[in-house]
Amino acid sequence: LEGRRGQPRLKPPFPATAGLYARPTVVNNVESVASVPQIINRGADWFTSMGTERSSGNGLFSLSGHVTRPGQYEAPLGITLRELIDMAGGMRNGHKLKFWTPGGSSTPIFTEEHLDVPLDYESVGAAGSMLGTRALQIFDETTSVVRAVTRWTEFYAHESCGKCTPCREGTYWLKQVLRRLEQGKGVEGDIETLLDTCDNILGRAFCALGDGATSCITSAIKYFREEFEAGMHTPASELFPPVRSALFEYTPKQRGALSGAGAH
């Protein structure tokens, strides 16, 4: 808007104090604006009657991945993933939940043991993650955690604006190590290298992209370390054939290509 490069500024000052053209700036997202008419029509008490004491109201929960009916679900804050999956028709084809993101790929992943965590800001935070954007990506047992985390990391490495060294260099090297593990060519110490690199990025970047890039990696290693260890000798495509976790049907030719060694 100001004609400058799209890079973050060091904060404080925050936008509410000095934002666009160094003037106080209020930033609202579309969901907040869309809530206003109903609150005006029905009153603040109606809105706060939903949700929890500290996370009041309702919101949009975006379910994608291995559920029968992916989509946008409007529900009170504090609902659980178990209830949301029921609303979405259950897991696809009777498969079992393996891992999921409560607030998108930039938040620490959860597993089946977190199915009944109330999806409000305080409860999710206490359980070790963040509610974030409420982008709930659902993965069943056919999915390779290493492959999923590698794809997310490739995204963060691509989206890094390059302004700060920890994010610019860190995401690049995270991507290299994860690709090696996905291909079954990992070496001794790769897991420790990932964790050490994440530690050197976390809290040292200008914006939240650097921190977000580390969340899925550290939490995935916490819950599924054995899959990363397997990456030192076996490609993820052999342990978890991509065709099994695909959301859409493949042609015979595509199936043959995906079954090859080292397929992505």
Protein backbone atom coordinates (compact mmCIF):
# COMPACT_ATOMS: atom_id res chain seq x y z
CA LEU A 1 0.00 0.00 0.00
CA GLU A 2 2.91 2.36 0.69
CA GLY A 3 4.86 1.31 -2.40
CA ARG A 4 7.57 -0.52 -0.46
CA ARG A 5 8.70 -4.13 -0.56
CA GLY A 6 6.36 -6.61 1.12
CA GLN A 7 8.42 -7.23 4.24
CA PRO A 8 7.58 -7.16 7.95
CA ARG A 9 8.61 -4.36 10.25
CA LEU A 10 10.08 -4.79 13.69
CA LYS A 11 7.39 -4.46 16.38
CA PRO A 12 6.62 -2.53 18.55
CA PRO A 13 5.18 -0.17 17.47
CA PHE A 14 2.16 -2.25 16.47
CA PRO A 15 -0.29 -1.17 13.73
CA ALA A 16 -2.79 0.16 16.27
CA THR A 17 -0.14 2.73 17.23
CA ALA A 18 1.74 3.24 13.97
CA GLY A 19 0.47 1.34 10.95
CA LEU A 20 -0.32 2.51 7.41
CA TYR A 21 1.63 5.73 6.70
CA ALA A 22 2.70 5.62 10.38
CA ARG A 23 -0.88 6.38 11.42
CA PRO A 24 -2.96 4.31 13.89
CA THR A 25 -4.46 1.45 11.87
CA VAL A 26 -7.11 -1.10 12.85
CA VAL A 27 -6.79 -4.51 11.15
CA ASN A 28 -9.95 -6.65 11.00
CA ASN A 29 -10.34 -9.99 9.26
CA VAL A 30 -13.37 -10.93 7.18
CA GLU A 31 -14.80 -13.24 9.84
CA SER A 32 -14.83 -10.44 12.42
CA VAL A 33 -16.59 -8.06 10.04
CA ALA A 34 -19.12 -10.76 9.06
CA SER A 35 -20.06 -11.24 12.74
CA VAL A 36 -21.05 -7.63 13.24
CA PRO A 37 -24.57 -7.67 11.65
CA GLN A 38 -25.76 -10.63 13.76
CA ILE A 39 -24.33 -9.08 16.93
CA ILE A 40 -26.12 -5.80 16.17
CA ASN A 41 -29.39 -7.59 15.38
CA ARG A 42 -29.36 -10.05 18.29
CA GLY A 43 -27.23 -8.27 20.86
CA ALA A 44 -23.89 -8.86 22.53
CA ASP A 45 -25.45 -11.13 25.16
CA TRP A 46 -26.64 -13.51 22.43
CA PHE A 47 -23.12 -13.73 20.98
CA THR A 48 -21.35 -14.20 24.30
CA SER A 49 -23.86 -16.88 25.34
CA MET A 50 -22.00 -19.18 22.96
CA GLY A 51 -18.48 -20.46 23.37
CA THR A 52 -16.57 -20.49 26.65
CA GLU A 53 -16.11 -17.92 29.38
CA ARG A 54 -12.88 -16.51 27.94
CA SER A 55 -13.37 -17.50 24.27
CA SER A 56 -16.92 -16.40 23.69
CA GLY A 57 -18.94 -16.51 20.52
CA ASN A 58 -18.88 -18.71 17.47
CA GLY A 59 -16.52 -19.00 14.52
CA LEU A 60 -15.67 -20.79 11.32
CA PHE A 61 -13.79 -24.08 11.46
CA SER A 62 -12.28 -25.19 8.14
CA LEU A 63 -12.04 -28.97 7.88
CA SER A 64 -9.96 -30.37 5.04
CA GLY A 65 -8.31 -33.68 4.30
CA HIS A 66 -9.49 -37.16 5.19
CA VAL A 67 -13.05 -36.45 6.31
CA THR A 68 -16.18 -37.46 4.42
CA ARG A 69 -17.46 -33.90 3.93
CA PRO A 70 -14.65 -31.31 4.00
CA GLY A 71 -15.85 -27.74 4.29
CA GLN A 72 -16.51 -24.70 6.47
CA TYR A 73 -18.39 -25.37 9.70
CA GLU A 74 -19.74 -22.58 11.89
CA ALA A 75 -19.76 -23.61 15.52
CA PRO A 76 -19.29 -22.19 19.05
CA LEU A 77 -15.73 -21.91 20.30
CA GLY A 78 -15.02 -24.80 22.64
CA ILE A 79 -16.41 -27.49 20.32
CA THR A 80 -14.12 -30.52 19.99
CA LEU A 81 -12.63 -32.10 16.90
CA ARG A 82 -14.56 -35.27 17.68
CA GLU A 83 -17.81 -33.30 17.33
CA LEU A 84 -16.64 -31.53 14.19
CA ILE A 85 -15.63 -34.81 12.53
CA ASP A 86 -19.12 -36.16 13.30
CA MET A 87 -20.59 -33.06 11.65
CA ALA A 88 -18.35 -33.74 8.64
CA GLY A 89 -19.60 -37.31 8.28
CA GLY A 90 -16.71 -39.02 10.04
CA MET A 91 -13.31 -40.06 8.75
CA ARG A 92 -13.24 -41.18 5.11
CA ASN A 93 -13.93 -44.83 4.35
CA GLY A 94 -13.73 -45.85 7.99
CA HIS A 95 -10.07 -44.86 8.31
CA LYS A 96 -8.55 -43.81 11.64
CA LEU A 97 -7.35 -40.34 12.61
CA LYS A 98 -3.56 -40.08 12.81
CA PHE A 99 -2.70 -36.39 13.20
CA TRP A 100 -4.26 -32.98 12.61
CA THR A 101 -3.58 -29.26 12.80
CA PRO A 102 -5.81 -27.15 15.09
CA GLY A 103 -4.86 -23.85 13.45
CA GLY A 104 -3.15 -24.60 10.16
CA SER A 105 0.31 -25.91 9.38
CA SER A 106 1.99 -23.14 11.37
CA THR A 107 0.65 -24.56 14.63
CA PRO A 108 2.00 -27.65 16.47
CA ILE A 109 0.19 -30.77 15.30
CA PHE A 110 -2.14 -32.82 17.49
CA THR A 111 -2.92 -36.54 17.44
CA GLU A 112 -5.88 -38.78 18.25
CA GLU A 113 -5.28 -38.23 21.96
CA HIS A 114 -6.35 -34.60 21.49
CA LEU A 115 -9.75 -35.38 19.94
CA ASP A 116 -11.61 -34.04 22.98
CA VAL A 117 -9.58 -30.89 23.58
CA PRO A 118 -12.05 -27.96 23.54
CA LEU A 119 -11.25 -25.80 20.54
CA ASP A 120 -10.97 -22.49 22.31
CA TYR A 121 -7.83 -20.38 22.60
CA GLU A 122 -7.03 -21.23 26.20
CA SER A 123 -7.61 -25.00 26.02
CA VAL A 124 -5.66 -25.49 22.80
CA GLY A 125 -2.81 -23.41 24.19
CA ALA A 126 -2.75 -25.44 27.40
CA ALA A 127 -2.57 -28.63 25.32
CA GLY A 128 0.53 -27.40 23.52
CA SER A 129 -0.68 -25.79 20.30
CA MET A 130 -2.56 -22.74 19.00
CA LEU A 131 -6.05 -22.33 17.59
CA GLY A 132 -4.71 -19.87 15.04
CA THR A 133 -6.81 -19.67 11.87
CA ARG A 134 -8.90 -22.72 12.82
CA ALA A 135 -7.74 -24.45 9.64
CA LEU A 136 -8.13 -28.05 10.74
CA GLN A 137 -6.23 -30.33 8.36
CA ILE A 138 -7.16 -33.94 9.06
CA PHE A 139 -4.88 -36.87 8.19
CA ASP A 140 -5.57 -40.59 8.56
CA GLU A 141 -3.17 -43.50 9.09
CA THR A 142 -2.27 -43.71 5.38
CA THR A 143 -0.35 -40.42 5.55
CA SER A 144 3.40 -40.05 6.01
CA VAL A 145 4.10 -37.42 8.65
CA VAL A 146 7.53 -36.82 7.12
CA ARG A 147 6.06 -36.19 3.68
CA ALA A 148 3.38 -33.82 5.03
CA VAL A 149 5.88 -31.83 7.09
CA THR A 150 8.26 -31.65 4.13
CA ARG A 151 5.53 -30.15 1.92
CA TRP A 152 4.68 -27.56 4.55
CA THR A 153 8.35 -26.65 4.98
CA GLU A 154 8.80 -26.26 1.23
CA PHE A 155 5.95 -23.76 1.36
CA TYR A 156 7.53 -21.75 4.18
CA ALA A 157 10.93 -21.74 2.48
CA HIS A 158 9.28 -20.43 -0.70
CA GLU A 159 7.22 -17.80 1.14
CA SER A 160 10.09 -16.44 3.24
CA CYS A 161 10.65 -12.82 2.19
CA GLY A 162 14.36 -13.17 2.95
CA LYS A 163 14.60 -10.16 5.24
CA CYS A 164 15.95 -11.93 8.31
CA THR A 165 18.71 -14.53 8.31
CA PRO A 166 17.20 -17.14 10.68
CA CYS A 167 14.10 -17.58 8.52
CA ARG A 168 15.80 -17.17 5.12
CA GLU A 169 18.64 -19.61 5.79
CA GLY A 170 16.88 -21.79 8.34
CA THR A 171 13.88 -22.74 6.22
CA TYR A 172 16.21 -23.53 3.31
CA TRP A 173 18.23 -26.02 5.35
CA LEU A 174 15.15 -27.50 7.02
CA LYS A 175 13.83 -28.22 3.53
CA GLN A 176 17.07 -29.93 2.46
CA VAL A 177 17.21 -32.24 5.49
CA LEU A 178 13.51 -33.14 5.31
CA ARG A 179 13.72 -33.98 1.61
CA ARG A 180 16.63 -36.29 2.40
CA LEU A 181 14.63 -38.06 5.09
CA GLU A 182 11.58 -38.33 2.86
CA GLN A 183 13.68 -40.05 0.21
CA GLY A 184 15.10 -42.53 2.74
CA LYS A 185 18.57 -41.01 2.45
CA GLY A 186 18.83 -39.49 5.89
CA VAL A 187 22.06 -39.60 7.84
CA GLU A 188 22.87 -39.93 11.52
CA GLY A 189 22.16 -36.66 13.31
CA ASP A 190 19.55 -35.36 10.87
CA ILE A 191 16.82 -35.28 13.53
CA GLU A 192 19.06 -33.35 15.90
CA THR A 193 19.96 -30.97 13.07
CA LEU A 194 16.27 -30.30 12.45
CA LEU A 195 15.59 -29.60 16.11
CA ASP A 196 18.69 -27.41 16.48
CA THR A 197 17.81 -25.40 13.36
CA CYS A 198 14.24 -24.92 14.61
CA ASP A 199 15.61 -23.70 17.93
CA ASN A 200 17.76 -21.13 16.12
CA ILE A 201 14.76 -19.84 14.13
CA LEU A 202 12.14 -19.75 16.90
CA GLY A 203 11.79 -16.27 18.39
CA ARG A 204 14.51 -14.79 16.18
CA ALA A 205 12.54 -13.74 13.09
CA PHE A 206 10.87 -10.41 12.28
CA CYS A 207 7.47 -12.02 11.71
CA ALA A 208 5.57 -15.16 12.65
CA LEU A 209 6.44 -17.08 9.47
CA GLY A 210 9.77 -18.25 10.91
CA ASP A 211 8.16 -19.43 14.14
CA GLY A 212 5.35 -21.12 12.24
CA ALA A 213 7.80 -23.03 10.06
CA THR A 214 9.27 -24.71 13.14
CA SER A 215 6.01 -25.72 14.84
CA CYS A 216 5.03 -28.62 12.60
CA ILE A 217 8.57 -30.05 12.63
CA THR A 218 9.20 -30.06 16.36
CA SER A 219 5.72 -31.40 17.17
CA ALA A 220 5.93 -34.07 14.45
CA ILE A 221 9.24 -35.31 15.84
CA LYS A 222 7.72 -35.29 19.33
CA TYR A 223 4.83 -37.56 18.35
CA PHE A 224 6.24 -39.51 15.38
CA ARG A 225 10.01 -39.65 15.86
CA GLU A 226 10.11 -43.24 14.58
CA GLU A 227 8.97 -42.10 11.13
CA PHE A 228 11.86 -39.65 10.92
CA GLU A 229 14.25 -42.38 12.04
CA ALA A 230 12.87 -44.63 9.30
CA GLY A 231 13.83 -41.91 6.83
CA MET A 232 17.45 -42.92 7.30
CA HIS A 233 16.90 -46.14 5.39
CA THR A 234 13.41 -46.30 3.81
CA PRO A 235 11.66 -43.78 1.52
CA ALA A 236 8.35 -42.43 2.80
CA SER A 237 6.75 -43.51 -0.49
CA GLU A 238 7.42 -47.15 0.41
CA LEU A 239 6.17 -46.90 3.98
CA PHE A 240 3.15 -44.80 3.01
CA PRO A 241 2.33 -45.10 -0.73
CA PRO A 242 0.93 -41.71 -1.83
CA VAL A 243 -1.88 -43.39 -3.74
CA ARG A 244 -3.38 -44.62 -0.45
CA SER A 245 -3.63 -41.16 1.09
CA ALA A 246 -4.74 -39.39 -2.09
CA LEU A 247 -8.07 -37.59 -1.89
CA PHE A 248 -8.88 -38.29 -5.53
CA GLU A 249 -8.76 -41.37 -7.72
CA TYR A 250 -5.66 -41.90 -9.86
CA THR A 251 -5.56 -43.33 -13.36
CA PRO A 252 -3.65 -46.62 -13.84
CA LYS A 253 -0.78 -44.66 -15.39
CA GLN A 254 -0.60 -42.29 -12.41
CA ARG A 255 -0.75 -45.20 -9.97
CA GLY A 256 2.23 -46.78 -11.69
CA ALA A 257 4.23 -43.57 -11.48
CA LEU A 258 3.43 -43.11 -7.78
CA SER A 259 4.48 -46.64 -6.91
CA GLY A 260 8.02 -46.01 -8.16
CA ALA A 261 10.89 -45.67 -5.70
CA GLY A 262 11.41 -42.14 -4.46
CA ALA A 263 8.06 -40.93 -5.79
CA HIS A 264 6.81 -37.66 -4.34
